[in-house]
Amino acid sequence: MALSGVARATVKVAAICGSLRKGSYNRGLIRSAMELSRGDIEGVEIEEVDIASLPMLNTDLEKQGTFPAEVEAFRRKILEADSILFASPEYNFSVTAPLKNAMDWGSRPPNVWGGKAAGIVSAGGLLGGARGQFHLRQIGIYIDLHFLNKPEFFLNAFEPPIKFNPDNGDLIDDDARLRLKQLLLSLKDFSLQLQPKSSFLIH
């Protein structure tokens, strides 16, 4: 129970990075989002969900309605989340292979993505990952994700001033952090609109 005596809903966000690289700038966006949720944004709990261990989709791996252990654990994390935060780099005008693979595993019956709010952030070159985001939205629509339309978050990681710490990939640009905070606040509000209040954690 909150100190004010009023119950407070907490939105659980599963954060997924499309890049497997530890120093990925997109992974840096997730770390920054988690930091903001712990300090500047009340009522949002973000957990990064790893997709590196997922096998490539192969329905031969499904046995009597069950999935490999790594897939079961991943699907459970998505099912338990209220909303999804994708940090999606752009590879060849599209999403990465690991991210598409994760989305496909989650969509196997029963689909664990359906009805959830989703936000997208991306860091990249000239367009900041915009074309990859567009394709991600196309994929997500079919599996019944509800994407936050605004604010959008595209970040050119390479134009001055320096946006990320070159040693560890952490986001250090104040303007970008503010934009990221605004997206997270909007994702929280959108999640609360979509889901019945009884589905959220109450403190």
C-alpha atoms as a PDB file:
ATOM      1  CA  MET A   1       0.000   0.000   0.000  1.00  0.00           C
ATOM      2  CA  ALA A   2       1.303   3.424  -0.902  1.00  0.00           C
ATOM      3  CA  LEU A   3       2.036   5.876   1.932  1.00  0.00           C
ATOM      4  CA  SER A   4      -0.948   7.998   0.916  1.00  0.00           C
ATOM      5  CA  GLY A   5      -3.252   5.066   1.604  1.00  0.00           C
ATOM      6  CA  VAL A   6      -4.259   4.857  -2.054  1.00  0.00           C
ATOM      7  CA  ALA A   7      -3.454   1.696  -4.009  1.00  0.00           C
ATOM      8  CA  ARG A   8      -1.028   2.319  -6.866  1.00  0.00           C
ATOM      9  CA  ALA A   9      -0.928   0.257 -10.038  1.00  0.00           C
ATOM     10  CA  THR A  10       2.447  -0.850 -11.362  1.00  0.00           C
ATOM     11  CA  VAL A  11       2.818  -1.568 -15.062  1.00  0.00           C
ATOM     12  CA  LYS A  12       5.183  -4.474 -15.744  1.00  0.00           C
ATOM     13  CA  VAL A  13       7.199  -3.929 -18.919  1.00  0.00           C
ATOM     14  CA  ALA A  14       9.193  -6.642 -20.652  1.00  0.00           C
ATOM     15  CA  ALA A  15      12.105  -5.007 -22.498  1.00  0.00           C
ATOM     16  CA  ILE A  16      13.597  -6.834 -25.479  1.00  0.00           C
ATOM     17  CA  CYS A  17      16.746  -5.832 -27.334  1.00  0.00           C
ATOM     18  CA  GLY A  18      16.966  -6.980 -30.943  1.00  0.00           C
ATOM     19  CA  SER A  19      20.763  -6.899 -30.867  1.00  0.00           C
ATOM     20  CA  LEU A  20      22.751  -9.640 -29.130  1.00  0.00           C
ATOM     21  CA  ARG A  21      25.866  -7.466 -28.841  1.00  0.00           C
ATOM     22  CA  LYS A  22      26.668  -6.518 -25.225  1.00  0.00           C
ATOM     23  CA  GLY A  23      27.833  -3.026 -26.223  1.00  0.00           C
ATOM     24  CA  SER A  24      24.781  -2.405 -28.423  1.00  0.00           C
ATOM     25  CA  TYR A  25      23.456   1.154 -28.298  1.00  0.00           C
ATOM     26  CA  ASN A  26      19.939  -0.290 -28.374  1.00  0.00           C
ATOM     27  CA  ARG A  27      20.760  -2.286 -25.253  1.00  0.00           C
ATOM     28  CA  GLY A  28      21.992   1.001 -23.800  1.00  0.00           C
ATOM     29  CA  LEU A  29      18.521   2.434 -24.398  1.00  0.00           C
ATOM     30  CA  ILE A  30      17.023  -0.392 -22.343  1.00  0.00           C
ATOM     31  CA  ARG A  31      19.480   0.188 -19.497  1.00  0.00           C
ATOM     32  CA  SER A  32      18.582   3.857 -19.512  1.00  0.00           C
ATOM     33  CA  ALA A  33      14.861   3.032 -19.523  1.00  0.00           C
ATOM     34  CA  MET A  34      15.347   0.744 -16.514  1.00  0.00           C
ATOM     35  CA  GLU A  35      17.274   3.466 -14.701  1.00  0.00           C
ATOM     36  CA  LEU A  36      14.524   6.013 -15.412  1.00  0.00           C
ATOM     37  CA  SER A  37      11.848   3.610 -14.167  1.00  0.00           C
ATOM     38  CA  ARG A  38      13.683   3.192 -10.867  1.00  0.00           C
ATOM     39  CA  GLY A  39      14.153   6.905 -10.246  1.00  0.00           C
ATOM     40  CA  ASP A  40      12.058   9.279 -12.341  1.00  0.00           C
ATOM     41  CA  ILE A  41       8.949   7.312 -13.319  1.00  0.00           C
ATOM     42  CA  GLU A  42       6.552   6.043 -10.677  1.00  0.00           C
ATOM     43  CA  GLY A  43       4.527   2.932 -11.357  1.00  0.00           C
ATOM     44  CA  VAL A  44       6.663   1.327 -14.076  1.00  0.00           C
ATOM     45  CA  GLU A  45       8.709  -1.823 -13.546  1.00  0.00           C
ATOM     46  CA  ILE A  46      11.005  -2.820 -16.440  1.00  0.00           C
ATOM     47  CA  GLU A  47      12.721  -6.168 -16.791  1.00  0.00           C
ATOM     48  CA  GLU A  48      15.005  -7.004 -19.704  1.00  0.00           C
ATOM     49  CA  VAL A  49      14.089 -10.333 -21.252  1.00  0.00           C
ATOM     50  CA  ASP A  50      17.008 -12.094 -22.922  1.00  0.00           C
ATOM     51  CA  ILE A  51      16.451 -13.659 -26.346  1.00  0.00           C
ATOM     52  CA  ALA A  52      20.015 -14.856 -27.016  1.00  0.00           C
ATOM     53  CA  SER A  53      19.386 -18.405 -25.816  1.00  0.00           C
ATOM     54  CA  LEU A  54      16.273 -19.033 -27.897  1.00  0.00           C
ATOM     55  CA  PRO A  55      16.734 -21.753 -30.520  1.00  0.00           C
ATOM     56  CA  MET A  56      15.745 -20.961 -34.070  1.00  0.00           C
ATOM     57  CA  LEU A  57      12.047 -21.591 -34.570  1.00  0.00           C
ATOM     58  CA  ASN A  58      11.435 -25.232 -35.404  1.00  0.00           C
ATOM     59  CA  THR A  59       8.060 -26.747 -34.626  1.00  0.00           C
ATOM     60  CA  ASP A  60       9.717 -30.159 -34.364  1.00  0.00           C
ATOM     61  CA  LEU A  61      10.950 -28.903 -30.979  1.00  0.00           C
ATOM     62  CA  GLU A  62       7.373 -28.663 -29.722  1.00  0.00           C
ATOM     63  CA  LYS A  63       6.374 -31.825 -27.869  1.00  0.00           C
ATOM     64  CA  GLN A  64       2.753 -32.449 -26.900  1.00  0.00           C
ATOM     65  CA  GLY A  65       1.950 -28.783 -26.510  1.00  0.00           C
ATOM     66  CA  THR A  66       5.169 -27.863 -24.700  1.00  0.00           C
ATOM     67  CA  PHE A  67       8.224 -25.913 -25.830  1.00  0.00           C
ATOM     68  CA  PRO A  68      11.961 -26.149 -25.113  1.00  0.00           C
ATOM     69  CA  ALA A  69      12.826 -24.855 -21.622  1.00  0.00           C
ATOM     70  CA  GLU A  70      14.344 -21.596 -22.925  1.00  0.00           C
ATOM     71  CA  VAL A  71      11.245 -20.909 -25.007  1.00  0.00           C
ATOM     72  CA  GLU A  72       8.885 -21.738 -22.134  1.00  0.00           C
ATOM     73  CA  ALA A  73      10.753 -19.307 -19.855  1.00  0.00           C
ATOM     74  CA  PHE A  74      10.678 -16.577 -22.499  1.00  0.00           C
ATOM     75  CA  ARG A  75       6.972 -17.036 -23.205  1.00  0.00           C
ATOM     76  CA  ARG A  76       6.196 -16.911 -19.478  1.00  0.00           C
ATOM     77  CA  LYS A  77       8.013 -13.572 -19.132  1.00  0.00           C
ATOM     78  CA  ILE A  78       6.022 -12.097 -22.006  1.00  0.00           C
ATOM     79  CA  LEU A  79       2.732 -13.503 -20.744  1.00  0.00           C
ATOM     80  CA  GLU A  80       3.300 -12.015 -17.280  1.00  0.00           C
ATOM     81  CA  ALA A  81       4.137  -8.554 -18.634  1.00  0.00           C
ATOM     82  CA  ASP A  82       1.554  -5.824 -19.139  1.00  0.00           C
ATOM     83  CA  SER A  83       3.432  -4.244 -22.031  1.00  0.00           C
ATOM     84  CA  ILE A  84       6.527  -4.616 -24.191  1.00  0.00           C
ATOM     85  CA  LEU A  85       9.402  -2.249 -24.885  1.00  0.00           C
ATOM     86  CA  PHE A  86      11.301  -3.155 -28.060  1.00  0.00           C
ATOM     87  CA  ALA A  87      14.781  -1.728 -28.604  1.00  0.00           C
ATOM     88  CA  SER A  88      15.069  -2.607 -32.255  1.00  0.00           C
ATOM     89  CA  PRO A  89      18.077  -1.878 -34.448  1.00  0.00           C
ATOM     90  CA  GLU A  90      17.586  -1.822 -38.199  1.00  0.00           C
ATOM     91  CA  TYR A  91      19.249  -4.538 -40.257  1.00  0.00           C
ATOM     92  CA  ASN A  92      18.765  -4.296 -44.035  1.00  0.00           C
ATOM     93  CA  PHE A  93      15.562  -2.230 -43.774  1.00  0.00           C
ATOM     94  CA  SER A  94      14.093  -4.725 -41.280  1.00  0.00           C
ATOM     95  CA  VAL A  95      14.265  -6.164 -37.767  1.00  0.00           C
ATOM     96  CA  THR A  96      17.062  -8.449 -36.654  1.00  0.00           C
ATOM     97  CA  ALA A  97      16.861 -12.213 -37.040  1.00  0.00           C
ATOM     98  CA  PRO A  98      16.968 -12.841 -33.251  1.00  0.00           C
ATOM     99  CA  LEU A  99      14.057 -10.452 -32.680  1.00  0.00           C
ATOM    100  CA  LYS A 100      11.922 -11.956 -35.435  1.00  0.00           C
ATOM    101  CA  ASN A 101      12.682 -15.409 -34.045  1.00  0.00           C
ATOM    102  CA  ALA A 102      11.561 -14.323 -30.561  1.00  0.00           C
ATOM    103  CA  MET A 103       8.353 -12.847 -31.920  1.00  0.00           C
ATOM    104  CA  ASP A 104       7.619 -16.031 -33.841  1.00  0.00           C
ATOM    105  CA  TRP A 105       8.164 -18.232 -30.769  1.00  0.00           C
ATOM    106  CA  GLY A 106       5.879 -15.997 -28.720  1.00  0.00           C
ATOM    107  CA  SER A 107       3.169 -16.181 -31.356  1.00  0.00           C
ATOM    108  CA  ARG A 108       2.961 -19.983 -31.326  1.00  0.00           C
ATOM    109  CA  PRO A 109      -0.412 -21.073 -29.937  1.00  0.00           C
ATOM    110  CA  PRO A 110      -1.386 -19.801 -27.492  1.00  0.00           C
ATOM    111  CA  ASN A 111      -0.087 -16.398 -28.614  1.00  0.00           C
ATOM    112  CA  VAL A 112       1.452 -14.600 -25.600  1.00  0.00           C
ATOM    113  CA  TRP A 113       1.715 -11.193 -27.320  1.00  0.00           C
ATOM    114  CA  GLY A 114      -1.974 -10.606 -27.891  1.00  0.00           C
ATOM    115  CA  GLY A 115      -3.619  -7.544 -26.399  1.00  0.00           C
ATOM    116  CA  LYS A 116      -0.462  -6.016 -24.951  1.00  0.00           C
ATOM    117  CA  ALA A 117       0.679  -2.430 -25.387  1.00  0.00           C
ATOM    118  CA  ALA A 118       4.075  -2.015 -27.040  1.00  0.00           C
ATOM    119  CA  GLY A 119       6.551   0.791 -27.538  1.00  0.00           C
ATOM    120  CA  ILE A 120       9.574   0.909 -29.826  1.00  0.00           C
ATOM    121  CA  VAL A 121      12.898   2.710 -29.440  1.00  0.00           C
ATOM    122  CA  SER A 122      15.841   2.450 -31.790  1.00  0.00           C
ATOM    123  CA  ALA A 123      19.311   3.846 -32.277  1.00  0.00           C
ATOM    124  CA  GLY A 124      21.097   3.643 -35.589  1.00  0.00           C
ATOM    125  CA  GLY A 125      22.413   5.594 -38.528  1.00  0.00           C
ATOM    126  CA  LEU A 126      20.858   8.350 -40.600  1.00  0.00           C
ATOM    127  CA  LEU A 127      17.175   7.546 -39.926  1.00  0.00           C
ATOM    128  CA  GLY A 128      17.744   6.157 -36.441  1.00  0.00           C
ATOM    129  CA  GLY A 129      16.209   2.781 -37.239  1.00  0.00           C
ATOM    130  CA  ALA A 130      12.932   4.144 -38.658  1.00  0.00           C
ATOM    131  CA  ARG A 131      12.620   1.582 -41.458  1.00  0.00           C
ATOM    132  CA  GLY A 132      13.190  -1.285 -39.039  1.00  0.00           C
ATOM    133  CA  GLN A 133      10.529   0.144 -36.728  1.00  0.00           C
ATOM    134  CA  PHE A 134       8.067   0.276 -39.618  1.00  0.00           C
ATOM    135  CA  HIS A 135       8.592  -3.412 -40.345  1.00  0.00           C
ATOM    136  CA  LEU A 136       8.339  -4.295 -36.661  1.00  0.00           C
ATOM    137  CA  ARG A 137       4.940  -2.624 -36.537  1.00  0.00           C
ATOM    138  CA  GLN A 138       3.784  -4.697 -39.510  1.00  0.00           C
ATOM    139  CA  ILE A 139       4.823  -7.910 -37.761  1.00  0.00           C
ATOM    140  CA  GLY A 140       3.281  -6.860 -34.460  1.00  0.00           C
ATOM    141  CA  ILE A 141      -0.094  -6.007 -35.903  1.00  0.00           C
ATOM    142  CA  TYR A 142      -0.615  -9.593 -37.058  1.00  0.00           C
ATOM    143  CA  ILE A 143       0.176 -11.012 -33.596  1.00  0.00           C
ATOM    144  CA  ASP A 144      -2.230  -8.547 -31.946  1.00  0.00           C
ATOM    145  CA  LEU A 145       0.227  -6.166 -30.319  1.00  0.00           C
ATOM    146  CA  HIS A 146      -1.071  -2.623 -29.820  1.00  0.00           C
ATOM    147  CA  PHE A 147       1.717  -0.195 -30.650  1.00  0.00           C
ATOM    148  CA  LEU A 148       2.056   3.223 -29.089  1.00  0.00           C
ATOM    149  CA  ASN A 149       1.890   5.665 -32.003  1.00  0.00           C
ATOM    150  CA  LYS A 150       3.336   8.745 -30.335  1.00  0.00           C
ATOM    151  CA  PRO A 151       5.797   9.814 -29.203  1.00  0.00           C
ATOM    152  CA  GLU A 152       8.142   8.082 -31.635  1.00  0.00           C
ATOM    153  CA  PHE A 153      11.765   7.492 -30.696  1.00  0.00           C
ATOM    154  CA  PHE A 154      14.410   7.319 -33.414  1.00  0.00           C
ATOM    155  CA  LEU A 155      17.975   8.262 -32.475  1.00  0.00           C
ATOM    156  CA  ASN A 156      20.858   8.888 -34.863  1.00  0.00           C
ATOM    157  CA  ALA A 157      23.634   7.461 -32.720  1.00  0.00           C
ATOM    158  CA  PHE A 158      26.476   8.834 -34.798  1.00  0.00           C
ATOM    159  CA  GLU A 159      25.817  12.517 -35.419  1.00  0.00           C
ATOM    160  CA  PRO A 160      27.216  15.059 -32.902  1.00  0.00           C
ATOM    161  CA  PRO A 161      26.875  15.505 -30.001  1.00  0.00           C
ATOM    162  CA  ILE A 162      27.947  12.109 -28.659  1.00  0.00           C
ATOM    163  CA  LYS A 163      24.854  10.156 -27.595  1.00  0.00           C
ATOM    164  CA  PHE A 164      26.420   7.072 -26.018  1.00  0.00           C
ATOM    165  CA  ASN A 165      29.451   6.340 -23.874  1.00  0.00           C
ATOM    166  CA  PRO A 166      31.831   4.623 -26.328  1.00  0.00           C
ATOM    167  CA  ASP A 167      33.235   2.394 -23.571  1.00  0.00           C
ATOM    168  CA  ASN A 168      30.011   0.758 -22.391  1.00  0.00           C
ATOM    169  CA  GLY A 169      27.188   1.888 -24.680  1.00  0.00           C
ATOM    170  CA  ASP A 170      25.312   3.812 -21.974  1.00  0.00           C
ATOM    171  CA  LEU A 171      23.050   6.642 -23.109  1.00  0.00           C
ATOM    172  CA  ILE A 172      24.543   9.969 -21.982  1.00  0.00           C
ATOM    173  CA  ASP A 173      22.583  12.505 -24.046  1.00  0.00           C
ATOM    174  CA  ASP A 174      20.169  14.492 -21.843  1.00  0.00           C
ATOM    175  CA  ASP A 175      17.744  15.318 -24.653  1.00  0.00           C
ATOM    176  CA  ALA A 176      17.506  11.661 -25.670  1.00  0.00           C
ATOM    177  CA  ARG A 177      16.933  10.630 -22.052  1.00  0.00           C
ATOM    178  CA  LEU A 178      14.084  13.146 -21.798  1.00  0.00           C
ATOM    179  CA  ARG A 179      12.503  11.798 -24.981  1.00  0.00           C
ATOM    180  CA  LEU A 180      12.873   8.259 -23.657  1.00  0.00           C
ATOM    181  CA  LYS A 181      11.186   9.257 -20.406  1.00  0.00           C
ATOM    182  CA  GLN A 182       8.269  10.765 -22.330  1.00  0.00           C
ATOM    183  CA  LEU A 183       7.839   7.549 -24.313  1.00  0.00           C
ATOM    184  CA  LEU A 184       7.837   5.453 -21.130  1.00  0.00           C
ATOM    185  CA  LEU A 185       5.228   7.678 -19.511  1.00  0.00           C
ATOM    186  CA  SER A 186       3.040   7.373 -22.608  1.00  0.00           C
ATOM    187  CA  LEU A 187       3.527   3.599 -22.676  1.00  0.00           C
ATOM    188  CA  LYS A 188       2.440   3.411 -19.029  1.00  0.00           C
ATOM    189  CA  ASP A 189      -0.718   5.418 -19.725  1.00  0.00           C
ATOM    190  CA  PHE A 190      -1.501   3.367 -22.842  1.00  0.00           C
ATOM    191  CA  SER A 191      -1.042   0.101 -20.917  1.00  0.00           C
ATOM    192  CA  LEU A 192      -3.457   1.262 -18.219  1.00  0.00           C
ATOM    193  CA  GLN A 193      -6.021   2.153 -20.868  1.00  0.00           C
ATOM    194  CA  LEU A 194      -5.818  -1.256 -22.552  1.00  0.00           C
ATOM    195  CA  GLN A 195      -5.824  -3.602 -19.582  1.00  0.00           C
ATOM    196  CA  PRO A 196      -8.325  -4.047 -16.740  1.00  0.00           C
ATOM    197  CA  LYS A 197      -7.013  -2.513 -13.542  1.00  0.00           C
ATOM    198  CA  SER A 198      -7.175  -5.845 -11.748  1.00  0.00           C
ATOM    199  CA  SER A 199      -4.331  -7.168 -13.933  1.00  0.00           C
ATOM    200  CA  PHE A 200      -1.726  -4.809 -12.509  1.00  0.00           C
ATOM    201  CA  LEU A 201       0.460  -5.144  -9.426  1.00  0.00           C
ATOM    202  CA  ILE A 202      -0.922  -3.128  -6.506  1.00  0.00           C
ATOM    203  CA  HIS A 203       1.426  -1.653  -3.908  1.00  0.00           C
END
